[in-house]
Amino acid sequence: TALHHKNKNKFYTTETSKICEVSKLSPPCATTFVDSMGLEATSLWAGVGGLVFLTLTRNIIVIRRGERISSGDGGNELLGRRIRAHGNFCEFTPIGLILLGLVESEKAVPKSAAFSLGGLLMAGRIMHAVAFSHLERKTPSNQPISKVNLRVAGMVCSIFSIGILSASAIVHVARKAVENV
């Protein structure tokens, strides 16, 4: 992209024919796609999500190798739970991150709300995965220690964040449509 100096903080790009604000943190000719789109919250939470995904994958591999189970769960309850925790993470996280990216790029919510909603999504996914990935433990008096509350809290956080992001996207598009009428 060719950037031509317009004033101290703005540059004209011939590739997009737009005036671009230059971040105070980056040199004038080093703007990036993420900077120009303003997807910092999405980038952060997608990165965290990638690390959680790898951790959940590792948790499965450790049991598979130890028990010599190449596919399925081989009747191993703990492996079955970890496979489902991984699958559930893979089912919920992408839609949340897609919505976060769309809402953030359209500036449908303030930047702080984007970071908060992304954090809530990821906290929910982590809580759910932790609760779902482990077998119930027993107290010394043989009573089960339930992780149901952590699992429910994780689902509530995930569903709430996805719901708010969905509503924000819809409301933003509706407002733009009304403004253009």
Protein backbone atom coordinates (compact mmCIF):
# COMPACT_ATOMS: atom_id res chain seq x y z
CA THR A 1 0.00 0.00 0.00
CA ALA A 2 1.39 3.38 -0.95
CA LEU A 3 0.97 5.94 1.81
CA HIS A 4 1.27 9.64 1.10
CA HIS A 5 1.69 12.22 3.84
CA LYS A 6 -1.39 14.45 4.27
CA ASN A 7 -0.75 15.87 7.72
CA LYS A 8 0.86 14.88 10.99
CA ASN A 9 -1.60 12.07 11.90
CA LYS A 10 -3.31 11.07 8.64
CA PHE A 11 -2.17 9.35 5.48
CA TYR A 12 -3.86 8.75 2.15
CA THR A 13 -3.58 5.25 0.78
CA THR A 14 -3.81 4.71 -2.95
CA GLU A 15 -4.87 1.09 -2.44
CA THR A 16 -8.14 1.93 -0.68
CA SER A 17 -8.38 5.61 -1.62
CA LYS A 18 -9.10 6.48 1.99
CA ILE A 19 -7.60 8.70 4.64
CA CYS A 20 -6.20 6.49 7.41
CA GLU A 21 -5.49 7.48 10.99
CA VAL A 22 -2.02 6.44 12.09
CA SER A 23 -1.72 4.85 15.49
CA LYS A 24 0.53 6.64 17.97
CA LEU A 25 2.14 3.25 18.64
CA SER A 26 3.14 2.47 15.06
CA PRO A 27 5.44 4.27 12.65
CA PRO A 28 3.58 6.08 9.85
CA CYS A 29 4.21 3.45 7.16
CA ALA A 30 3.67 0.39 9.35
CA THR A 31 -0.11 0.21 9.65
CA THR A 32 -1.48 -3.31 9.66
CA PHE A 33 -4.77 -4.90 8.71
CA VAL A 34 -5.70 -5.44 12.37
CA ASP A 35 -4.84 -1.83 13.24
CA SER A 36 -6.89 -0.48 10.34
CA MET A 37 -9.87 -2.69 11.19
CA GLY A 38 -9.64 -2.05 14.93
CA LEU A 39 -9.88 -5.73 15.87
CA GLU A 40 -7.68 -5.64 18.95
CA ALA A 41 -10.26 -7.26 21.27
CA THR A 42 -11.02 -9.99 18.73
CA SER A 43 -7.31 -10.61 18.18
CA LEU A 44 -6.65 -10.88 21.91
CA TRP A 45 -9.55 -13.25 22.65
CA ALA A 46 -8.95 -15.35 19.52
CA GLY A 47 -5.34 -15.75 20.66
CA VAL A 48 -6.43 -16.80 24.14
CA GLY A 49 -8.98 -19.15 22.55
CA GLY A 50 -6.26 -20.72 20.43
CA LEU A 51 -4.22 -21.46 23.55
CA VAL A 52 -7.26 -22.94 25.33
CA PHE A 53 -7.96 -25.08 22.23
CA LEU A 54 -4.38 -26.39 22.30
CA THR A 55 -4.62 -27.13 26.04
CA LEU A 56 -7.86 -29.07 25.56
CA THR A 57 -6.25 -30.96 22.66
CA ARG A 58 -3.24 -31.82 24.82
CA ASN A 59 -5.54 -33.11 27.58
CA ILE A 60 -7.02 -35.61 25.11
CA ILE A 61 -3.66 -36.67 23.66
CA VAL A 62 -2.23 -37.40 27.13
CA ILE A 63 -5.01 -39.89 27.91
CA ARG A 64 -4.99 -41.41 24.41
CA ARG A 65 -1.26 -42.12 24.63
CA GLY A 66 -1.40 -43.35 28.22
CA GLU A 67 -4.32 -45.68 27.56
CA ARG A 68 -3.32 -46.52 23.95
CA ILE A 69 -6.68 -45.41 22.54
CA SER A 70 -6.33 -44.28 18.93
CA SER A 71 -9.94 -43.28 18.21
CA GLY A 72 -13.16 -42.74 20.09
CA ASP A 73 -13.04 -42.88 23.87
CA GLY A 74 -12.45 -46.63 24.26
CA GLY A 75 -14.94 -46.71 27.12
CA ASN A 76 -12.73 -44.36 29.16
CA GLU A 77 -15.13 -41.96 30.89
CA LEU A 78 -12.51 -39.27 31.51
CA LEU A 79 -11.40 -39.34 27.86
CA GLY A 80 -15.04 -39.13 26.77
CA ARG A 81 -15.57 -36.06 28.95
CA ARG A 82 -12.43 -34.38 27.64
CA ILE A 83 -13.44 -35.09 24.03
CA ARG A 84 -16.82 -33.45 24.69
CA ALA A 85 -15.23 -30.49 26.51
CA HIS A 86 -13.00 -29.96 23.44
CA GLY A 87 -15.95 -30.38 21.07
CA ASN A 88 -18.13 -28.00 23.06
CA PHE A 89 -15.35 -25.39 23.00
CA CYS A 90 -15.13 -25.84 19.21
CA GLU A 91 -18.91 -25.49 18.84
CA PHE A 92 -19.41 -22.28 20.84
CA THR A 93 -16.18 -20.31 20.48
CA PRO A 94 -16.16 -19.64 16.71
CA ILE A 95 -19.61 -18.00 16.58
CA GLY A 96 -18.71 -15.85 19.58
CA LEU A 97 -15.44 -14.72 17.96
CA ILE A 98 -17.10 -14.10 14.59
CA LEU A 99 -19.75 -11.94 16.24
CA LEU A 100 -17.10 -10.14 18.29
CA GLY A 101 -15.09 -9.38 15.15
CA LEU A 102 -18.12 -8.10 13.26
CA VAL A 103 -19.37 -5.96 16.12
CA GLU A 104 -15.89 -4.62 16.83
CA SER A 105 -15.07 -3.82 13.18
CA GLU A 106 -18.38 -1.99 12.77
CA LYS A 107 -17.86 -0.19 16.09
CA ALA A 108 -21.32 -1.35 17.15
CA VAL A 109 -20.20 -1.34 20.79
CA PRO A 110 -17.54 0.71 22.59
CA LYS A 111 -14.04 -0.79 22.54
CA SER A 112 -14.22 -1.49 26.30
CA ALA A 113 -17.46 -3.45 25.78
CA ALA A 114 -15.82 -5.49 23.01
CA PHE A 115 -12.94 -6.42 25.33
CA SER A 116 -15.38 -7.21 28.17
CA LEU A 117 -17.72 -9.32 26.04
CA GLY A 118 -14.78 -11.22 24.55
CA GLY A 119 -13.40 -11.80 28.04
CA LEU A 120 -16.78 -12.99 29.26
CA LEU A 121 -17.05 -15.40 26.32
CA MET A 122 -13.59 -16.82 26.96
CA ALA A 123 -14.09 -17.02 30.75
CA GLY A 124 -17.32 -18.91 30.13
CA ARG A 125 -15.69 -21.34 27.73
CA ILE A 126 -12.81 -21.95 30.14
CA MET A 127 -15.11 -22.49 33.15
CA HIS A 128 -17.27 -24.90 31.17
CA ALA A 129 -14.24 -26.82 29.85
CA VAL A 130 -12.67 -27.14 33.30
CA ALA A 131 -15.91 -28.33 34.88
CA PHE A 132 -16.73 -30.74 32.05
CA SER A 133 -13.20 -32.15 31.60
CA HIS A 134 -12.91 -33.74 35.02
CA LEU A 135 -14.64 -36.62 36.73
CA GLU A 136 -16.59 -35.90 39.88
CA ARG A 137 -14.37 -36.07 42.92
CA LYS A 138 -15.48 -37.33 46.28
CA THR A 139 -15.03 -35.70 49.68
CA PRO A 140 -13.44 -37.75 52.49
CA SER A 141 -16.99 -38.71 53.57
CA ASN A 142 -17.63 -40.06 50.02
CA GLN A 143 -19.94 -37.18 48.99
CA PRO A 144 -19.60 -35.98 45.35
CA ILE A 145 -18.04 -32.58 44.80
CA SER A 146 -20.18 -31.15 42.04
CA LYS A 147 -18.71 -28.96 39.34
CA VAL A 148 -22.21 -28.29 38.04
CA ASN A 149 -22.15 -24.71 39.34
CA LEU A 150 -18.93 -23.95 37.45
CA ARG A 151 -20.31 -25.57 34.31
CA VAL A 152 -23.58 -23.63 34.58
CA ALA A 153 -21.72 -20.38 35.23
CA GLY A 154 -19.61 -21.04 32.14
CA MET A 155 -22.69 -21.62 30.00
CA VAL A 156 -24.39 -18.50 31.38
CA CYS A 157 -21.31 -16.37 30.57
CA SER A 158 -21.03 -17.84 27.08
CA ILE A 159 -24.71 -17.55 26.22
CA PHE A 160 -24.94 -14.03 27.66
CA SER A 161 -21.93 -12.78 25.68
CA ILE A 162 -23.11 -14.42 22.43
CA GLY A 163 -26.61 -13.03 23.00
CA ILE A 164 -25.36 -9.48 23.61
CA LEU A 165 -23.02 -9.65 20.61
CA SER A 166 -25.84 -10.99 18.41
CA ALA A 167 -28.25 -8.27 19.54
CA SER A 168 -25.57 -5.59 19.08
CA ALA A 169 -24.92 -6.72 15.52
CA ILE A 170 -28.62 -6.74 14.64
CA VAL A 171 -29.34 -3.38 16.28
CA HIS A 172 -26.31 -1.80 14.58
CA VAL A 173 -27.40 -2.99 11.12
CA ALA A 174 -31.00 -1.90 11.78
CA ARG A 175 -29.83 1.59 12.81
CA LYS A 176 -27.68 1.89 9.70
CA ALA A 177 -30.61 0.77 7.52
CA VAL A 178 -32.93 3.36 9.11
CA GLU A 179 -30.30 6.11 8.67
CA ASN A 180 -29.99 5.29 4.96
CA VAL A 181 -33.74 5.44 4.29
